[in-house]
Protein backbone atom coordinates (compact mmCIF):
# COMPACT_ATOMS: atom_id res chain seq x y z
CA MET A 1 21.15 44.09 -21.58
CA LYS A 2 23.48 41.34 -22.78
CA SER A 3 22.13 39.04 -20.03
CA TRP A 4 18.60 39.67 -21.30
CA ILE A 5 19.71 38.76 -24.83
CA VAL A 6 21.11 35.48 -23.48
CA ALA A 7 17.84 34.82 -21.62
CA LYS A 8 15.79 35.56 -24.76
CA ASN A 9 17.94 33.10 -26.68
CA VAL A 10 17.16 30.39 -24.10
CA PHE A 11 13.43 31.11 -24.35
CA ARG A 12 13.65 30.99 -28.14
CA ARG A 13 15.29 27.55 -28.11
CA ILE A 14 12.67 26.20 -25.70
CA ARG A 15 9.85 27.63 -27.84
CA GLN A 16 11.28 25.98 -30.95
CA ASP A 17 11.53 22.57 -29.23
CA PRO A 18 7.98 21.23 -28.73
CA ARG A 19 9.14 18.42 -26.44
CA THR A 20 10.94 20.71 -24.02
CA LEU A 21 8.09 23.23 -24.14
CA ALA A 22 5.54 20.52 -23.30
CA LEU A 23 7.67 19.27 -20.41
CA VAL A 24 8.06 22.80 -19.02
CA VAL A 25 4.30 23.43 -19.15
CA PHE A 26 2.78 20.08 -18.21
CA THR A 27 5.27 18.49 -15.77
CA PRO A 28 4.40 20.72 -12.77
CA LEU A 29 0.70 20.43 -13.65
CA LEU A 30 0.95 16.64 -13.63
CA PHE A 31 2.77 16.75 -10.29
CA ILE A 32 0.23 18.91 -8.47
CA LEU A 33 -2.79 17.06 -9.90
CA LEU A 34 -1.48 13.67 -8.82
CA TYR A 35 -0.46 15.04 -5.44
CA GLY A 36 -3.82 16.68 -4.84
CA TYR A 37 -5.88 13.67 -5.86
CA GLY A 38 -3.54 10.98 -4.56
CA PHE A 39 -2.87 12.38 -1.08
CA SER A 40 -6.20 14.02 -0.29
CA GLY A 41 -8.26 11.00 0.73
CA GLU A 42 -8.57 8.74 3.74
CA PRO A 43 -8.00 4.98 3.41
CA GLN A 44 -11.12 3.36 2.00
CA HIS A 45 -12.43 -0.08 1.02
CA LEU A 46 -10.19 -1.92 3.48
CA ASN A 47 -10.69 -5.68 3.57
CA VAL A 48 -12.01 -6.71 6.99
CA LEU A 49 -13.32 -10.15 8.01
CA ILE A 50 -16.27 -10.47 10.37
CA ILE A 51 -16.86 -13.66 12.38
CA ASN A 52 -20.30 -13.19 13.94
CA GLN A 53 -20.98 -16.06 16.35
CA ASP A 54 -23.41 -14.08 18.52
CA ASN A 55 -26.71 -15.88 19.22
CA GLY A 56 -28.38 -12.49 19.78
CA LEU A 57 -29.66 -13.42 23.26
CA ALA A 58 -29.05 -11.70 26.58
CA SER A 59 -29.95 -13.28 29.92
CA VAL A 60 -30.58 -10.64 32.62
CA ARG A 61 -31.78 -10.61 36.24
CA THR A 62 -35.04 -8.85 37.06
CA GLU A 63 -36.65 -7.93 40.35
CA GLU A 64 -40.09 -9.25 39.39
CA LEU A 65 -39.46 -12.33 37.19
CA GLY A 66 -36.02 -13.50 38.13
CA ARG A 67 -33.82 -14.23 35.13
CA ILE A 68 -35.29 -13.56 31.68
CA THR A 69 -33.92 -13.81 28.14
CA LEU A 70 -34.00 -10.86 25.74
CA GLU A 71 -33.60 -11.09 21.97
CA LEU A 72 -31.33 -8.14 21.04
CA SER A 73 -28.95 -9.27 18.24
CA LEU A 74 -26.50 -6.50 19.10
CA ALA A 75 -23.73 -8.04 17.02
CA GLN A 76 -25.97 -8.03 13.96
CA LYS A 77 -26.84 -4.37 14.58
CA LEU A 78 -23.18 -3.58 14.85
CA VAL A 79 -22.38 -5.32 11.56
CA GLU A 80 -25.26 -3.57 9.80
CA ASN A 81 -23.97 -0.15 10.91
CA LEU A 82 -20.33 -0.64 9.94
CA ASP A 83 -18.87 2.06 7.71
CA ARG A 84 -19.03 0.41 4.28
CA GLN A 85 -17.18 3.35 2.72
CA THR A 86 -14.10 2.65 4.83
CA LEU A 87 -14.45 -1.11 5.21
CA ASP A 88 -15.06 -3.86 2.66
CA ILE A 89 -16.77 -6.53 4.75
CA ALA A 90 -16.41 -10.26 4.19
CA PHE A 91 -17.79 -12.94 6.49
CA SER A 92 -16.15 -16.06 7.87
CA ASP A 93 -17.14 -18.86 10.24
CA ASP A 94 -13.65 -19.83 11.37
CA PRO A 95 -11.78 -17.42 13.68
CA GLU A 96 -8.47 -19.23 13.24
CA ASP A 97 -8.72 -19.14 9.45
CA ALA A 98 -9.59 -15.44 9.59
CA LYS A 99 -6.61 -14.75 11.84
CA SER A 100 -4.38 -16.69 9.44
CA ARG A 101 -5.64 -14.59 6.49
CA VAL A 102 -4.73 -11.43 8.36
CA GLU A 103 -1.25 -12.81 9.05
CA ARG A 104 -0.83 -13.62 5.33
CA GLY A 105 -1.83 -10.08 4.34
CA GLN A 106 -5.13 -11.12 2.72
CA ALA A 107 -7.16 -8.89 5.05
CA TRP A 108 -6.36 -5.92 7.23
CA ALA A 109 -8.33 -7.14 10.23
CA ALA A 110 -10.61 -9.87 11.54
CA LEU A 111 -13.31 -9.02 14.09
CA VAL A 112 -14.60 -11.94 16.17
CA LEU A 113 -17.97 -11.42 17.88
CA PRO A 114 -18.40 -14.36 20.30
CA LYS A 115 -21.53 -16.38 20.97
CA ASN A 116 -22.44 -14.42 24.12
CA PHE A 117 -21.65 -10.95 22.73
CA SER A 118 -25.15 -9.52 23.25
CA HIS A 119 -25.36 -11.09 26.70
CA ALA A 120 -21.98 -9.78 27.81
CA LEU A 121 -22.53 -6.28 26.45
CA VAL A 122 -25.94 -5.79 28.07
CA ASN A 123 -24.91 -7.14 31.46
CA GLU A 124 -21.72 -5.10 31.50
CA ALA A 125 -23.73 -2.00 30.57
CA ILE A 126 -26.22 -2.60 33.38
CA ARG A 127 -23.42 -3.31 35.85
CA LEU A 128 -21.87 0.08 35.11
CA SER A 129 -25.04 2.16 34.80
CA GLY A 130 -27.14 0.52 37.53
CA PRO A 131 -30.68 -0.91 37.49
CA ARG A 132 -32.99 0.13 34.69
CA THR A 133 -36.63 -0.29 33.78
CA ILE A 134 -37.75 -2.09 30.60
CA THR A 135 -40.94 -3.51 29.15
CA TYR A 136 -40.98 -7.31 28.83
CA GLU A 137 -44.00 -9.15 27.40
CA GLY A 138 -46.27 -6.25 28.23
CA ARG A 139 -45.01 -5.89 31.80
CA THR A 140 -42.74 -3.29 33.35
CA VAL A 141 -39.79 -4.97 35.01
CA HIS A 142 -36.70 -3.71 36.76
CA VAL A 143 -33.43 -5.14 35.44
CA LEU A 144 -30.73 -5.68 38.04
CA PRO A 145 -26.96 -5.66 37.55
CA SER A 146 -25.35 -9.03 36.96
CA GLU A 147 -23.62 -10.70 39.85
CA GLY A 148 -20.25 -10.96 38.08
CA GLY A 149 -18.34 -9.04 35.46
CA GLU A 150 -18.50 -10.19 31.85
CA ASN A 151 -15.11 -10.41 30.15
CA ARG A 152 -15.81 -12.07 26.80
CA LEU A 153 -16.54 -9.29 24.33
CA ALA A 154 -15.12 -8.64 20.80
CA THR A 155 -11.67 -9.69 19.64
CA LEU A 156 -9.89 -7.88 16.81
CA PHE A 157 -6.88 -9.29 14.97
CA LEU A 158 -5.28 -6.27 13.32
CA ASP A 159 -2.51 -5.98 10.72
CA ASP A 160 -0.70 -2.89 11.99
CA SER A 161 2.08 -2.94 9.37
CA ASN A 162 0.50 0.11 7.69
CA PRO A 163 -0.10 2.77 10.40
CA PRO A 164 -2.60 4.92 8.42
CA VAL A 165 -4.65 1.87 7.42
CA ALA A 166 -4.60 0.40 10.95
CA ALA A 167 -5.79 3.74 12.35
CA ALA A 168 -8.60 3.89 9.76
CA VAL A 169 -9.80 0.37 10.62
CA LEU A 170 -9.78 1.06 14.36
CA GLY A 171 -11.51 4.41 13.84
CA ALA A 172 -14.32 2.91 11.75
CA LEU A 173 -14.92 0.10 14.27
CA LYS A 174 -14.87 2.42 17.26
CA ARG A 175 -17.40 4.75 15.64
CA THR A 176 -19.76 1.84 15.06
CA PHE A 177 -19.31 0.46 18.57
CA SER A 178 -19.97 3.94 19.98
CA GLY A 179 -23.31 4.02 18.16
CA VAL A 180 -24.38 0.65 19.57
CA LEU A 181 -23.29 1.67 23.06
CA ALA A 182 -25.25 4.92 22.82
CA GLU A 183 -28.42 2.86 22.25
CA GLN A 184 -27.68 0.94 25.44
CA GLN A 185 -27.21 4.17 27.42
CA THR A 186 -24.02 2.95 29.00
CA ALA A 187 -20.71 4.39 30.11
CA LEU A 188 -18.89 1.59 28.27
CA THR A 189 -16.32 2.69 25.72
CA PRO A 190 -15.28 0.95 22.48
CA GLU A 191 -11.82 0.41 23.94
CA SER A 192 -13.36 -1.63 26.78
CA LEU A 193 -15.25 -3.82 24.30
CA ILE A 194 -12.58 -4.59 21.71
CA ASP A 195 -9.65 -6.80 22.67
CA VAL A 196 -7.13 -5.75 20.02
CA HIS A 197 -4.39 -8.20 19.03
CA GLN A 198 -1.92 -6.32 16.85
CA LEU A 199 -0.04 -8.53 14.42
CA TYR A 200 3.26 -6.74 15.09
CA SER A 201 2.42 -5.52 18.61
CA GLY A 202 2.82 -1.92 17.49
CA LYS A 203 6.51 -2.48 16.71
CA VAL A 204 6.13 -1.49 13.05
CA GLU A 205 6.65 2.26 12.81
CA LEU A 206 6.01 4.64 9.92
CA LEU A 207 9.69 4.45 8.95
CA ASP A 208 9.44 0.66 8.66
CA TYR A 209 6.41 1.01 6.40
CA THR A 210 7.88 3.66 4.10
CA ALA A 211 11.42 2.17 3.86
CA PRO A 212 10.60 -0.52 1.23
CA GLY A 213 8.84 2.07 -0.93
CA VAL A 214 11.72 4.53 -0.60
CA ILE A 215 14.20 1.82 -1.57
CA GLY A 216 12.11 0.96 -4.63
CA PHE A 217 11.83 4.61 -5.59
CA ALA A 218 15.56 5.20 -5.11
CA ILE A 219 16.34 2.26 -7.39
CA THR A 220 13.92 3.67 -9.97
CA LEU A 221 15.48 7.12 -9.87
CA ILE A 222 19.10 5.97 -9.97
CA SER A 223 18.67 3.18 -12.53
CA ILE A 224 16.64 5.11 -15.09
CA MET A 225 18.72 8.27 -14.80
CA LEU A 226 22.07 6.46 -14.94
CA THR A 227 21.08 4.23 -17.87
CA ALA A 228 19.32 6.88 -19.97
CA ILE A 229 21.99 9.54 -19.54
CA SER A 230 24.80 7.04 -20.19
CA ILE A 231 23.24 5.79 -23.43
CA VAL A 232 22.42 9.33 -24.62
CA ARG A 233 25.98 10.39 -23.90
CA GLU A 234 27.40 7.41 -25.78
CA ARG A 235 25.07 8.09 -28.70
CA THR A 236 25.90 11.80 -28.94
CA SER A 237 29.62 11.10 -28.60
CA GLY A 238 29.51 8.44 -31.34
CA THR A 239 30.50 5.56 -29.05
CA LEU A 240 27.17 3.80 -29.49
CA THR A 241 27.34 4.20 -33.28
CA ARG A 242 30.80 2.61 -33.38
CA LEU A 243 29.57 -0.21 -31.14
CA LEU A 244 26.62 -0.99 -33.40
CA ILE A 245 28.76 -0.81 -36.55
CA ALA A 246 31.12 -3.35 -34.98
CA PRO A 247 30.17 -7.05 -35.11
CA VAL A 248 27.85 -6.70 -32.10
CA ARG A 249 24.20 -7.54 -32.60
CA PRO A 250 21.56 -5.11 -31.25
CA TRP A 251 20.20 -7.69 -28.80
CA GLU A 252 23.71 -8.32 -27.51
CA ALA A 253 24.28 -4.61 -26.99
CA SER A 254 20.91 -4.17 -25.27
CA LEU A 255 21.43 -7.22 -23.06
CA GLY A 256 24.91 -5.98 -22.17
CA TYR A 257 23.60 -2.60 -21.05
CA THR A 258 20.79 -4.29 -19.12
CA LEU A 259 23.14 -6.69 -17.35
CA ALA A 260 25.64 -3.99 -16.43
CA PHE A 261 23.14 -1.53 -15.02
CA ALA A 262 21.07 -4.26 -13.33
CA LEU A 263 24.18 -5.37 -11.41
CA ILE A 264 24.90 -1.76 -10.50
CA ALA A 265 21.31 -1.42 -9.26
CA LEU A 266 21.71 -4.53 -7.10
CA PHE A 267 24.86 -3.08 -5.57
CA GLN A 268 23.03 0.16 -4.82
CA ALA A 269 20.07 -1.74 -3.37
CA ALA A 270 22.44 -3.65 -1.08
CA GLU A 271 23.84 -0.32 0.12
CA LEU A 272 20.35 1.01 0.82
CA LEU A 273 19.27 -2.14 2.66
CA LEU A 274 22.40 -2.40 4.80
CA VAL A 275 22.33 1.25 5.83
CA SER A 276 18.58 1.06 6.55
CA TYR A 277 18.98 -2.06 8.65
CA PHE A 278 22.11 -1.26 10.65
CA LEU A 279 21.81 2.51 10.96
CA PHE A 280 18.05 3.03 11.23
CA ASP A 281 17.04 -0.43 12.51
CA ILE A 282 14.47 -0.93 9.75
CA ARG A 283 12.41 -4.08 10.20
CA PHE A 284 13.61 -6.95 7.99
CA ALA A 285 11.66 -10.13 8.75
CA GLY A 286 12.03 -12.00 5.45
CA HIS A 287 14.70 -13.64 3.33
CA ALA A 288 17.18 -11.33 1.61
CA GLY A 289 17.11 -13.56 -1.49
CA TRP A 290 13.50 -12.62 -2.25
CA VAL A 291 14.38 -8.93 -1.95
CA ILE A 292 17.28 -9.38 -4.39
CA LEU A 293 15.09 -11.32 -6.82
CA THR A 294 12.38 -8.64 -6.69
CA ILE A 295 14.83 -5.80 -7.31
CA PHE A 296 16.62 -7.69 -10.09
CA LEU A 297 13.40 -8.36 -12.01
CA TYR A 298 12.32 -4.76 -11.53
CA THR A 299 15.62 -3.30 -12.71
CA ILE A 300 15.47 -5.31 -15.94
CA GLY A 301 12.26 -3.47 -16.79
CA LEU A 302 13.82 -0.15 -15.75
CA GLN A 303 16.69 -0.65 -18.19
CA GLY A 304 14.18 -1.16 -21.00
CA ILE A 305 12.38 2.07 -20.10
CA ALA A 306 15.66 3.94 -19.92
CA THR A 307 16.75 2.62 -23.31
CA LEU A 308 13.47 3.75 -24.87
CA LEU A 309 13.84 7.19 -23.28
CA SER A 310 17.36 7.48 -24.61
CA THR A 311 16.00 6.86 -28.11
CA VAL A 312 13.48 9.70 -27.83
CA ALA A 313 15.74 12.21 -26.05
CA ARG A 314 18.01 14.28 -28.26
CA ASN A 315 20.40 15.19 -25.45
CA GLU A 316 21.06 14.61 -21.77
CA PHE A 317 18.93 17.59 -20.73
CA GLN A 318 15.87 16.17 -22.49
CA ALA A 319 16.61 12.72 -21.04
CA VAL A 320 16.39 14.17 -17.51
CA GLN A 321 13.09 15.85 -18.32
CA PHE A 322 11.59 12.64 -19.68
CA ILE A 323 12.80 10.82 -16.58
CA LEU A 324 10.86 13.26 -14.39
CA VAL A 325 7.70 12.48 -16.34
CA ILE A 326 8.20 8.80 -15.46
CA LEU A 327 9.19 9.35 -11.84
CA ILE A 328 6.47 11.76 -10.72
CA PRO A 329 3.56 9.37 -11.37
CA SER A 330 5.63 6.54 -9.86
CA ILE A 331 5.91 8.44 -6.59
CA MET A 332 2.29 9.51 -6.46
CA VAL A 333 0.37 6.40 -7.49
CA SER A 334 2.50 3.47 -6.36
CA GLY A 335 2.08 3.73 -2.60
CA VAL A 336 5.60 4.86 -1.77
CA PHE A 337 4.59 7.27 0.99
CA TRP A 338 0.79 6.99 1.10
CA PRO A 339 -1.26 3.78 1.12
CA LEU A 340 -3.04 2.90 -2.10
CA GLU A 341 -6.22 2.51 -0.06
CA GLY A 342 -6.10 6.24 0.65
CA MET A 343 -6.37 7.18 -3.01
CA PRO A 344 -9.73 8.02 -4.59
CA PRO A 345 -11.23 4.93 -6.30
CA PRO A 346 -11.02 6.46 -9.82
CA ILE A 347 -7.25 6.94 -9.45
CA ARG A 348 -6.47 3.70 -7.64
CA PRO A 349 -6.45 1.49 -10.80
CA LEU A 350 -3.59 3.65 -12.12
CA ALA A 351 -1.43 2.34 -9.30
CA TRP A 352 -1.57 -1.19 -10.64
CA LEU A 353 -0.29 0.04 -13.99
CA SER A 354 2.92 1.12 -12.25
CA PRO A 355 5.58 -1.60 -11.83
CA LEU A 356 6.82 0.26 -8.77
CA ALA A 357 3.52 -0.55 -7.00
CA TYR A 358 4.20 -4.29 -7.39
CA THR A 359 7.80 -3.81 -6.29
CA ASN A 360 6.67 -1.93 -3.18
CA ALA A 361 4.07 -4.60 -2.38
CA ALA A 362 6.60 -7.42 -2.69
CA LEU A 363 9.30 -5.63 -0.69
CA ARG A 364 6.86 -4.74 2.08
CA ASP A 365 5.52 -8.29 2.27
CA VAL A 366 9.04 -9.68 2.60
CA MET A 367 10.51 -7.02 4.88
CA LEU A 368 7.51 -6.45 7.16
CA ARG A 369 5.66 -9.79 7.16
CA GLY A 370 8.48 -12.19 6.36
CA ALA A 371 6.65 -13.42 3.25
CA GLU A 372 8.06 -16.38 1.34
CA LEU A 373 8.23 -16.93 -2.42
CA PRO A 374 4.66 -18.31 -2.83
CA ASP A 375 3.27 -15.20 -1.12
CA ILE A 376 4.77 -12.81 -3.68
CA THR A 377 4.29 -14.92 -6.81
CA LEU A 378 1.80 -12.48 -8.33
CA GLU A 379 4.10 -9.47 -7.88
CA LEU A 380 7.14 -11.32 -9.23
CA SER A 381 5.16 -12.60 -12.22
CA VAL A 382 4.06 -9.08 -13.11
CA LEU A 383 7.60 -7.74 -12.75
CA ALA A 384 9.00 -10.59 -14.85
CA ALA A 385 6.44 -9.94 -17.61
CA PHE A 386 7.17 -6.21 -17.43
CA GLY A 387 10.92 -6.86 -17.67
CA LEU A 388 10.50 -9.19 -20.65
CA VAL A 389 8.33 -6.70 -22.56
CA MET A 390 10.71 -3.82 -21.84
CA LEU A 391 13.72 -5.94 -22.83
CA ILE A 392 12.09 -6.79 -26.18
CA LEU A 393 11.26 -3.13 -26.79
CA SER A 394 14.79 -2.05 -25.89
CA VAL A 395 16.22 -4.55 -28.38
CA GLN A 396 13.91 -3.13 -31.07
CA SER A 397 15.01 0.38 -30.11
CA MET A 398 18.66 -0.62 -30.32
CA ARG A 399 18.04 -2.25 -33.71
CA ARG A 400 16.57 0.99 -35.08
CA GLN A 401 19.60 2.88 -33.86
CA ALA A 402 21.81 0.29 -35.53
CA TYR A 403 20.02 0.78 -38.86
CA SER A 404 20.41 4.56 -38.58
CA ALA A 405 24.10 4.29 -37.62
């Protein structure tokens, strides 16, 4: 009975605190909604370059007329039947430029259809299936197998740094090739048509892809929780009040907290990177300096968020609850474990409102692709702007606490 009285007292305190009550009710709901919508889809709208050099002609041997030329445009049919839900198609005339764009992370794949694609496909199909009868200029002719094998078909340059996305691109292309091959009534398979050149030769595993995101998430969790709880504790114990009463300006106090916890975050990031590299052999192709710069800019923004949370939270327990509200969306919509391309289009814009998404993108570009500073300028600019705004807000928050001290 006494235990029930204690339990009732806990429920009463929660009911009287609207913030805690809202967190208890809506936090799990937010989690399951984001999980259900964010992880339920297949990768979509993947940028793929098409270089269609096919002249659409096929020269075949016939029993009655010798060699004749057919106008088939098989490459054009293939392009027209590509899955536009999965692939966002752009066209290029330069195979080398398209390959370079894949290497720079500007497209997931580049499909090169050579000048003799229709010719090679038809002759290879006839070689495997045997002679066939067709109608040519009103006459029935018998098409004979070609005298030699055709080996110039399609070439695919594929960025395989993201295993789910690479599988989606290959799947969409193979489905389309299968449809074209079915029209030709051939035993050819998509695998025999597409010469796949993987950017990383299949050496990038799922652990390599998720490691940068996990490192970013770990920094988010540790930095926000450590900063928010520390400031709340110092405020409730009176230490922060004494600090602000002393001849220390609010911006100096805020900058001091930011500097201290940013350096701690860098130390923790170094631990994560070293253990990942030496113990789990995580791929690290880029310069460590760009990783440090990315994490440092990101942690400045995290300190601002933590300072604002510490202002709203009345105690450490509430601070932890508010932190969960920040962390759950960060996990779900920033591409930590699941590619952003796999999220439904209505939810995907939310990802680019999360600083963690830019951190993940920069870390993956550096660690997986070996990107240099110009390649991650956009991400670093966003993180720097985010850090500046959060730092200004944290100074304002510290100034209000100074006035109330």
